[in-house]
């Protein structure tokens, strides 16, 4: 895809996330990979009003190649790209129900979001939750980096979610699936019945996916 096409895709997806109320005000950040570099929203950018002049190009070490200051959460995005070679897009958003569920769980978990639907489990798999870290903190980026090799969707307690996808549309779709299951969890007070262990194993088997190294 040509540079202008990638930028257009990033801008369109960012505005879509805002329109679907998965982010609010100037929260969240988004990025798309271009070979050994990444285009990411700049610090303070409102995704709902994102324009090309509010994007920053960085390399995979975080060195700015074009533009102004990147999002202070750039290192979360880079951790995902470095750990997941198939990742071409990363979005970090603050969905209401995902944050609400994180407050109900209360502690870190390697399987935080109940798999109420097949669509969620196929797209997102197991979604872990890390403890609260201040936005932009080095400890937050480190916690994401630890989980990124095994998980492409991570719940951040009292903060939001970060998702990596092979395509921007894939990443946005995963965010929506995560938020839907978080909403079900909240409105049912975590009393809804998720898919059974046998059903989950069947999905994993069909996808050739294993969680043997995930505790």
C-alpha atoms as a PDB file:
ATOM      1  CA  UNK A   1       0.000   0.000   0.000  1.00  0.00           C
ATOM      2  CA  UNK A   2       1.321   3.467  -0.864  1.00  0.00           C
ATOM      3  CA  UNK A   3       2.143   5.908   1.927  1.00  0.00           C
ATOM      4  CA  UNK A   4      -0.913   8.084   1.286  1.00  0.00           C
ATOM      5  CA  UNK A   5      -3.152   5.022   1.345  1.00  0.00           C
ATOM      6  CA  UNK A   6      -1.743   3.883   4.690  1.00  0.00           C
ATOM      7  CA  UNK A   7      -2.210   7.305   6.208  1.00  0.00           C
ATOM      8  CA  UNK A   8      -5.767   7.532   4.881  1.00  0.00           C
ATOM      9  CA  UNK A   9      -6.497   4.103   6.378  1.00  0.00           C
ATOM     10  CA  UNK A  10      -5.102   5.134   9.766  1.00  0.00           C
ATOM     11  CA  UNK A  11      -7.076   8.371   9.815  1.00  0.00           C
ATOM     12  CA  UNK A  12     -10.327   6.693   8.749  1.00  0.00           C
ATOM     13  CA  UNK A  13     -10.003   3.957  11.383  1.00  0.00           C
ATOM     14  CA  UNK A  14      -9.160   6.463  14.115  1.00  0.00           C
ATOM     15  CA  UNK A  15     -12.235   8.524  13.342  1.00  0.00           C
ATOM     16  CA  UNK A  16     -14.331   5.350  13.213  1.00  0.00           C
ATOM     17  CA  UNK A  17     -13.183   4.425  16.728  1.00  0.00           C
ATOM     18  CA  UNK A  18     -14.274   7.839  17.939  1.00  0.00           C
ATOM     19  CA  UNK A  19     -17.607   7.717  16.118  1.00  0.00           C
ATOM     20  CA  UNK A  20     -18.343   4.347  17.725  1.00  0.00           C
ATOM     21  CA  UNK A  21     -17.622   5.860  21.152  1.00  0.00           C
ATOM     22  CA  UNK A  22     -14.684   3.570  21.830  1.00  0.00           C
ATOM     23  CA  UNK A  23     -12.636   6.645  22.711  1.00  0.00           C
ATOM     24  CA  UNK A  24     -13.513  10.048  24.130  1.00  0.00           C
ATOM     25  CA  UNK A  25     -12.016  13.529  23.892  1.00  0.00           C
ATOM     26  CA  UNK A  26      -8.249  13.301  23.251  1.00  0.00           C
ATOM     27  CA  UNK A  27      -7.890   9.791  24.663  1.00  0.00           C
ATOM     28  CA  UNK A  28      -6.381   6.830  22.848  1.00  0.00           C
ATOM     29  CA  UNK A  29      -3.792   6.481  20.109  1.00  0.00           C
ATOM     30  CA  UNK A  30      -3.425   4.539  16.873  1.00  0.00           C
ATOM     31  CA  UNK A  31      -0.659   3.425  14.554  1.00  0.00           C
ATOM     32  CA  UNK A  32       0.080   1.539  11.350  1.00  0.00           C
ATOM     33  CA  UNK A  33       3.287  -0.176  10.335  1.00  0.00           C
ATOM     34  CA  UNK A  34       5.155   0.673   7.149  1.00  0.00           C
ATOM     35  CA  UNK A  35       8.012  -1.839   6.846  1.00  0.00           C
ATOM     36  CA  UNK A  36      10.577  -0.958   9.506  1.00  0.00           C
ATOM     37  CA  UNK A  37       8.791   2.224  10.502  1.00  0.00           C
ATOM     38  CA  UNK A  38       5.485   3.156  12.106  1.00  0.00           C
ATOM     39  CA  UNK A  39       3.053   6.030  11.627  1.00  0.00           C
ATOM     40  CA  UNK A  40       1.460   6.950  14.972  1.00  0.00           C
ATOM     41  CA  UNK A  41      -0.817   9.707  16.227  1.00  0.00           C
ATOM     42  CA  UNK A  42       1.084  12.541  17.846  1.00  0.00           C
ATOM     43  CA  UNK A  43       0.814  13.383  21.517  1.00  0.00           C
ATOM     44  CA  UNK A  44      -2.455  15.116  22.373  1.00  0.00           C
ATOM     45  CA  UNK A  45      -4.088  14.334  19.024  1.00  0.00           C
ATOM     46  CA  UNK A  46      -7.849  13.771  19.037  1.00  0.00           C
ATOM     47  CA  UNK A  47      -8.478  10.611  17.050  1.00  0.00           C
ATOM     48  CA  UNK A  48     -11.930  11.801  16.073  1.00  0.00           C
ATOM     49  CA  UNK A  49     -10.332  14.797  14.337  1.00  0.00           C
ATOM     50  CA  UNK A  50      -7.097  13.162  13.219  1.00  0.00           C
ATOM     51  CA  UNK A  51      -5.379  14.622  10.154  1.00  0.00           C
ATOM     52  CA  UNK A  52      -2.172  13.756   8.331  1.00  0.00           C
ATOM     53  CA  UNK A  53      -0.261  16.637   9.923  1.00  0.00           C
ATOM     54  CA  UNK A  54      -0.925  15.095  13.348  1.00  0.00           C
ATOM     55  CA  UNK A  55       0.870  11.850  12.530  1.00  0.00           C
ATOM     56  CA  UNK A  56       4.480  11.061  13.398  1.00  0.00           C
ATOM     57  CA  UNK A  57       6.760   8.559  11.693  1.00  0.00           C
ATOM     58  CA  UNK A  58       9.112   6.617  13.981  1.00  0.00           C
ATOM     59  CA  UNK A  59      11.374   3.600  13.588  1.00  0.00           C
ATOM     60  CA  UNK A  60      10.922   0.454  15.682  1.00  0.00           C
ATOM     61  CA  UNK A  61      13.270   1.876  18.327  1.00  0.00           C
ATOM     62  CA  UNK A  62      11.133   4.994  18.706  1.00  0.00           C
ATOM     63  CA  UNK A  63      13.385   7.452  16.884  1.00  0.00           C
ATOM     64  CA  UNK A  64      11.316  10.185  15.232  1.00  0.00           C
ATOM     65  CA  UNK A  65      11.793  10.198  11.452  1.00  0.00           C
ATOM     66  CA  UNK A  66       9.069  12.678  10.486  1.00  0.00           C
ATOM     67  CA  UNK A  67       6.726  14.933  12.404  1.00  0.00           C
ATOM     68  CA  UNK A  68       6.546  16.247  15.948  1.00  0.00           C
ATOM     69  CA  UNK A  69       6.247  14.418  19.284  1.00  0.00           C
ATOM     70  CA  UNK A  70       4.618  10.956  19.064  1.00  0.00           C
ATOM     71  CA  UNK A  71       2.042   9.706  21.531  1.00  0.00           C
ATOM     72  CA  UNK A  72       3.507   9.192  24.992  1.00  0.00           C
ATOM     73  CA  UNK A  73       2.236   5.610  24.711  1.00  0.00           C
ATOM     74  CA  UNK A  74       4.262   4.930  21.581  1.00  0.00           C
ATOM     75  CA  UNK A  75       6.320   2.287  23.364  1.00  0.00           C
ATOM     76  CA  UNK A  76       3.214   0.146  23.921  1.00  0.00           C
ATOM     77  CA  UNK A  77       2.661   0.135  20.177  1.00  0.00           C
ATOM     78  CA  UNK A  78       6.301  -0.656  19.449  1.00  0.00           C
ATOM     79  CA  UNK A  79       6.234  -3.514  21.977  1.00  0.00           C
ATOM     80  CA  UNK A  80       3.350  -5.056  20.049  1.00  0.00           C
ATOM     81  CA  UNK A  81       5.081  -4.650  16.691  1.00  0.00           C
ATOM     82  CA  UNK A  82       8.355  -6.090  17.942  1.00  0.00           C
ATOM     83  CA  UNK A  83       6.655  -9.105  19.541  1.00  0.00           C
ATOM     84  CA  UNK A  84       4.151  -9.810  16.770  1.00  0.00           C
ATOM     85  CA  UNK A  85       5.714  -9.884  13.318  1.00  0.00           C
ATOM     86  CA  UNK A  86       2.279 -10.203  11.683  1.00  0.00           C
ATOM     87  CA  UNK A  87       1.012  -7.003  13.316  1.00  0.00           C
ATOM     88  CA  UNK A  88       0.465  -4.169  10.886  1.00  0.00           C
ATOM     89  CA  UNK A  89      -1.839  -2.018  13.008  1.00  0.00           C
ATOM     90  CA  UNK A  90      -2.165  -1.237  16.708  1.00  0.00           C
ATOM     91  CA  UNK A  91      -4.943   0.677  18.430  1.00  0.00           C
ATOM     92  CA  UNK A  92      -5.198   1.745  22.049  1.00  0.00           C
ATOM     93  CA  UNK A  93      -8.616   2.980  23.131  1.00  0.00           C
ATOM     94  CA  UNK A  94     -10.630   3.632  26.284  1.00  0.00           C
ATOM     95  CA  UNK A  95     -13.966   1.782  25.873  1.00  0.00           C
ATOM     96  CA  UNK A  96     -16.447   2.358  28.674  1.00  0.00           C
ATOM     97  CA  UNK A  97     -17.388  -1.247  29.404  1.00  0.00           C
ATOM     98  CA  UNK A  98     -13.831  -2.544  29.123  1.00  0.00           C
ATOM     99  CA  UNK A  99     -12.756  -0.067  31.786  1.00  0.00           C
ATOM    100  CA  UNK A 100     -15.823  -0.879  33.891  1.00  0.00           C
ATOM    101  CA  UNK A 101     -15.064  -4.608  33.777  1.00  0.00           C
ATOM    102  CA  UNK A 102     -11.448  -3.969  34.747  1.00  0.00           C
ATOM    103  CA  UNK A 103     -12.628  -2.324  37.954  1.00  0.00           C
ATOM    104  CA  UNK A 104     -14.809  -5.332  38.785  1.00  0.00           C
ATOM    105  CA  UNK A 105     -11.976  -7.828  38.283  1.00  0.00           C
ATOM    106  CA  UNK A 106      -9.665  -5.864  40.521  1.00  0.00           C
ATOM    107  CA  UNK A 107      -6.447  -7.791  39.936  1.00  0.00           C
ATOM    108  CA  UNK A 108      -4.312  -8.949  37.042  1.00  0.00           C
ATOM    109  CA  UNK A 109      -5.484 -11.995  35.132  1.00  0.00           C
ATOM    110  CA  UNK A 110      -4.334 -14.003  32.125  1.00  0.00           C
ATOM    111  CA  UNK A 111      -7.953 -14.598  31.050  1.00  0.00           C
ATOM    112  CA  UNK A 112      -9.849 -11.487  32.096  1.00  0.00           C
ATOM    113  CA  UNK A 113     -12.644 -11.099  29.530  1.00  0.00           C
ATOM    114  CA  UNK A 114     -15.297 -13.851  29.660  1.00  0.00           C
ATOM    115  CA  UNK A 115     -15.710 -15.500  26.221  1.00  0.00           C
ATOM    116  CA  UNK A 116     -19.454 -15.110  25.799  1.00  0.00           C
ATOM    117  CA  UNK A 117     -19.410 -15.397  22.012  1.00  0.00           C
ATOM    118  CA  UNK A 118     -17.593 -17.472  19.425  1.00  0.00           C
ATOM    119  CA  UNK A 119     -16.807 -14.333  17.417  1.00  0.00           C
ATOM    120  CA  UNK A 120     -14.980 -12.822  20.381  1.00  0.00           C
ATOM    121  CA  UNK A 121     -12.946 -15.927  21.121  1.00  0.00           C
ATOM    122  CA  UNK A 122     -12.021 -16.509  17.482  1.00  0.00           C
ATOM    123  CA  UNK A 123     -10.825 -12.942  17.016  1.00  0.00           C
ATOM    124  CA  UNK A 124      -9.425 -12.051  20.426  1.00  0.00           C
ATOM    125  CA  UNK A 125      -8.642 -15.359  22.118  1.00  0.00           C
ATOM    126  CA  UNK A 126      -7.658 -15.076  25.743  1.00  0.00           C
ATOM    127  CA  UNK A 127      -7.471 -11.447  26.829  1.00  0.00           C
ATOM    128  CA  UNK A 128      -5.291 -10.847  29.903  1.00  0.00           C
ATOM    129  CA  UNK A 129      -5.449  -7.816  32.183  1.00  0.00           C
ATOM    130  CA  UNK A 130      -2.472  -5.997  33.650  1.00  0.00           C
ATOM    131  CA  UNK A 131      -2.654  -3.919  36.845  1.00  0.00           C
ATOM    132  CA  UNK A 132      -3.088  -0.169  36.746  1.00  0.00           C
ATOM    133  CA  UNK A 133      -0.102   1.853  35.536  1.00  0.00           C
ATOM    134  CA  UNK A 134      -0.084   5.608  34.855  1.00  0.00           C
ATOM    135  CA  UNK A 135      -0.585   6.526  31.224  1.00  0.00           C
ATOM    136  CA  UNK A 136       2.737   6.661  29.419  1.00  0.00           C
ATOM    137  CA  UNK A 137       4.665   5.094  32.298  1.00  0.00           C
ATOM    138  CA  UNK A 138       7.646   2.892  31.489  1.00  0.00           C
ATOM    139  CA  UNK A 139       6.140   0.203  33.730  1.00  0.00           C
ATOM    140  CA  UNK A 140       3.020   0.158  31.531  1.00  0.00           C
ATOM    141  CA  UNK A 141       5.052  -0.401  28.392  1.00  0.00           C
ATOM    142  CA  UNK A 142       7.057  -3.153  30.097  1.00  0.00           C
ATOM    143  CA  UNK A 143       3.892  -4.938  31.266  1.00  0.00           C
ATOM    144  CA  UNK A 144       2.485  -4.890  27.722  1.00  0.00           C
ATOM    145  CA  UNK A 145       5.788  -6.143  26.294  1.00  0.00           C
ATOM    146  CA  UNK A 146       5.703  -9.190  28.584  1.00  0.00           C
ATOM    147  CA  UNK A 147       2.261 -10.259  27.326  1.00  0.00           C
ATOM    148  CA  UNK A 148       2.537  -9.196  23.681  1.00  0.00           C
ATOM    149  CA  UNK A 149       4.196 -12.381  22.357  1.00  0.00           C
ATOM    150  CA  UNK A 150       1.229 -14.518  23.472  1.00  0.00           C
ATOM    151  CA  UNK A 151      -1.671 -12.057  23.267  1.00  0.00           C
ATOM    152  CA  UNK A 152      -2.761  -9.574  20.614  1.00  0.00           C
ATOM    153  CA  UNK A 153      -5.433  -7.995  22.845  1.00  0.00           C
ATOM    154  CA  UNK A 154      -4.669  -6.816  26.379  1.00  0.00           C
ATOM    155  CA  UNK A 155      -6.960  -5.187  28.945  1.00  0.00           C
ATOM    156  CA  UNK A 156      -5.342  -2.359  30.922  1.00  0.00           C
ATOM    157  CA  UNK A 157      -6.910  -1.898  34.340  1.00  0.00           C
ATOM    158  CA  UNK A 158      -8.744   1.416  34.722  1.00  0.00           C
ATOM    159  CA  UNK A 159      -7.303   2.542  31.416  1.00  0.00           C
ATOM    160  CA  UNK A 160      -8.564   0.686  28.338  1.00  0.00           C
ATOM    161  CA  UNK A 161      -7.376  -1.911  25.847  1.00  0.00           C
ATOM    162  CA  UNK A 162      -4.565  -2.282  23.347  1.00  0.00           C
ATOM    163  CA  UNK A 163      -5.003  -4.464  20.276  1.00  0.00           C
ATOM    164  CA  UNK A 164      -2.709  -5.493  17.426  1.00  0.00           C
ATOM    165  CA  UNK A 165      -3.986  -6.798  14.113  1.00  0.00           C
ATOM    166  CA  UNK A 166      -2.724  -7.937  10.735  1.00  0.00           C
ATOM    167  CA  UNK A 167      -4.859  -5.171   9.236  1.00  0.00           C
ATOM    168  CA  UNK A 168      -6.326  -1.973  10.647  1.00  0.00           C
ATOM    169  CA  UNK A 169      -9.860  -3.282  10.100  1.00  0.00           C
ATOM    170  CA  UNK A 170      -8.927  -6.444  11.994  1.00  0.00           C
ATOM    171  CA  UNK A 171      -7.657  -4.460  14.977  1.00  0.00           C
ATOM    172  CA  UNK A 172     -10.800  -2.322  15.061  1.00  0.00           C
ATOM    173  CA  UNK A 173     -12.990  -5.437  14.850  1.00  0.00           C
ATOM    174  CA  UNK A 174     -11.170  -7.052  17.769  1.00  0.00           C
ATOM    175  CA  UNK A 175     -11.696  -3.939  19.869  1.00  0.00           C
ATOM    176  CA  UNK A 176     -15.427  -4.127  19.160  1.00  0.00           C
ATOM    177  CA  UNK A 177     -15.612  -7.825  20.072  1.00  0.00           C
ATOM    178  CA  UNK A 178     -13.748  -7.173  23.331  1.00  0.00           C
ATOM    179  CA  UNK A 179     -16.008  -4.267  24.234  1.00  0.00           C
ATOM    180  CA  UNK A 180     -19.159  -6.305  23.500  1.00  0.00           C
ATOM    181  CA  UNK A 181     -18.117  -9.121  25.841  1.00  0.00           C
ATOM    182  CA  UNK A 182     -17.093  -6.597  28.477  1.00  0.00           C
ATOM    183  CA  UNK A 183     -20.541  -5.036  28.182  1.00  0.00           C
ATOM    184  CA  UNK A 184     -22.213  -8.423  28.615  1.00  0.00           C
ATOM    185  CA  UNK A 185     -20.056  -9.069  31.669  1.00  0.00           C
ATOM    186  CA  UNK A 186     -21.004  -5.750  33.244  1.00  0.00           C
ATOM    187  CA  UNK A 187     -24.749  -5.839  32.533  1.00  0.00           C
ATOM    188  CA  UNK A 188     -25.008  -9.427  33.804  1.00  0.00           C
ATOM    189  CA  UNK A 189     -22.789  -8.652  36.814  1.00  0.00           C
ATOM    190  CA  UNK A 190     -20.466 -11.426  35.609  1.00  0.00           C
ATOM    191  CA  UNK A 191     -23.289 -13.968  36.023  1.00  0.00           C
ATOM    192  CA  UNK A 192     -23.739 -14.729  32.326  1.00  0.00           C
ATOM    193  CA  UNK A 193     -22.622 -18.135  31.059  1.00  0.00           C
ATOM    194  CA  UNK A 194     -19.508 -18.004  28.865  1.00  0.00           C
ATOM    195  CA  UNK A 195     -18.623 -20.656  26.326  1.00  0.00           C
ATOM    196  CA  UNK A 196     -17.676 -23.948  27.954  1.00  0.00           C
ATOM    197  CA  UNK A 197     -14.134 -25.277  28.203  1.00  0.00           C
ATOM    198  CA  UNK A 198     -14.968 -27.929  25.597  1.00  0.00           C
ATOM    199  CA  UNK A 199     -16.330 -25.297  23.217  1.00  0.00           C
ATOM    200  CA  UNK A 200     -13.200 -23.186  23.653  1.00  0.00           C
ATOM    201  CA  UNK A 201     -10.923 -26.167  23.062  1.00  0.00           C
ATOM    202  CA  UNK A 202     -12.816 -26.952  19.853  1.00  0.00           C
ATOM    203  CA  UNK A 203     -12.320 -23.395  18.599  1.00  0.00           C
ATOM    204  CA  UNK A 204      -8.625 -23.461  19.480  1.00  0.00           C
ATOM    205  CA  UNK A 205      -8.215 -26.818  17.724  1.00  0.00           C
ATOM    206  CA  UNK A 206      -9.913 -25.525  14.579  1.00  0.00           C
ATOM    207  CA  UNK A 207      -7.580 -22.513  14.575  1.00  0.00           C
ATOM    208  CA  UNK A 208      -4.486 -24.554  15.385  1.00  0.00           C
ATOM    209  CA  UNK A 209      -4.013 -22.379  18.455  1.00  0.00           C
ATOM    210  CA  UNK A 210      -2.651 -23.387  21.834  1.00  0.00           C
ATOM    211  CA  UNK A 211      -2.280 -21.656  25.184  1.00  0.00           C
ATOM    212  CA  UNK A 212       0.164 -24.191  26.620  1.00  0.00           C
ATOM    213  CA  UNK A 213       2.715 -21.497  27.413  1.00  0.00           C
ATOM    214  CA  UNK A 214       0.159 -19.151  28.957  1.00  0.00           C
ATOM    215  CA  UNK A 215      -0.508 -19.529  32.669  1.00  0.00           C
END
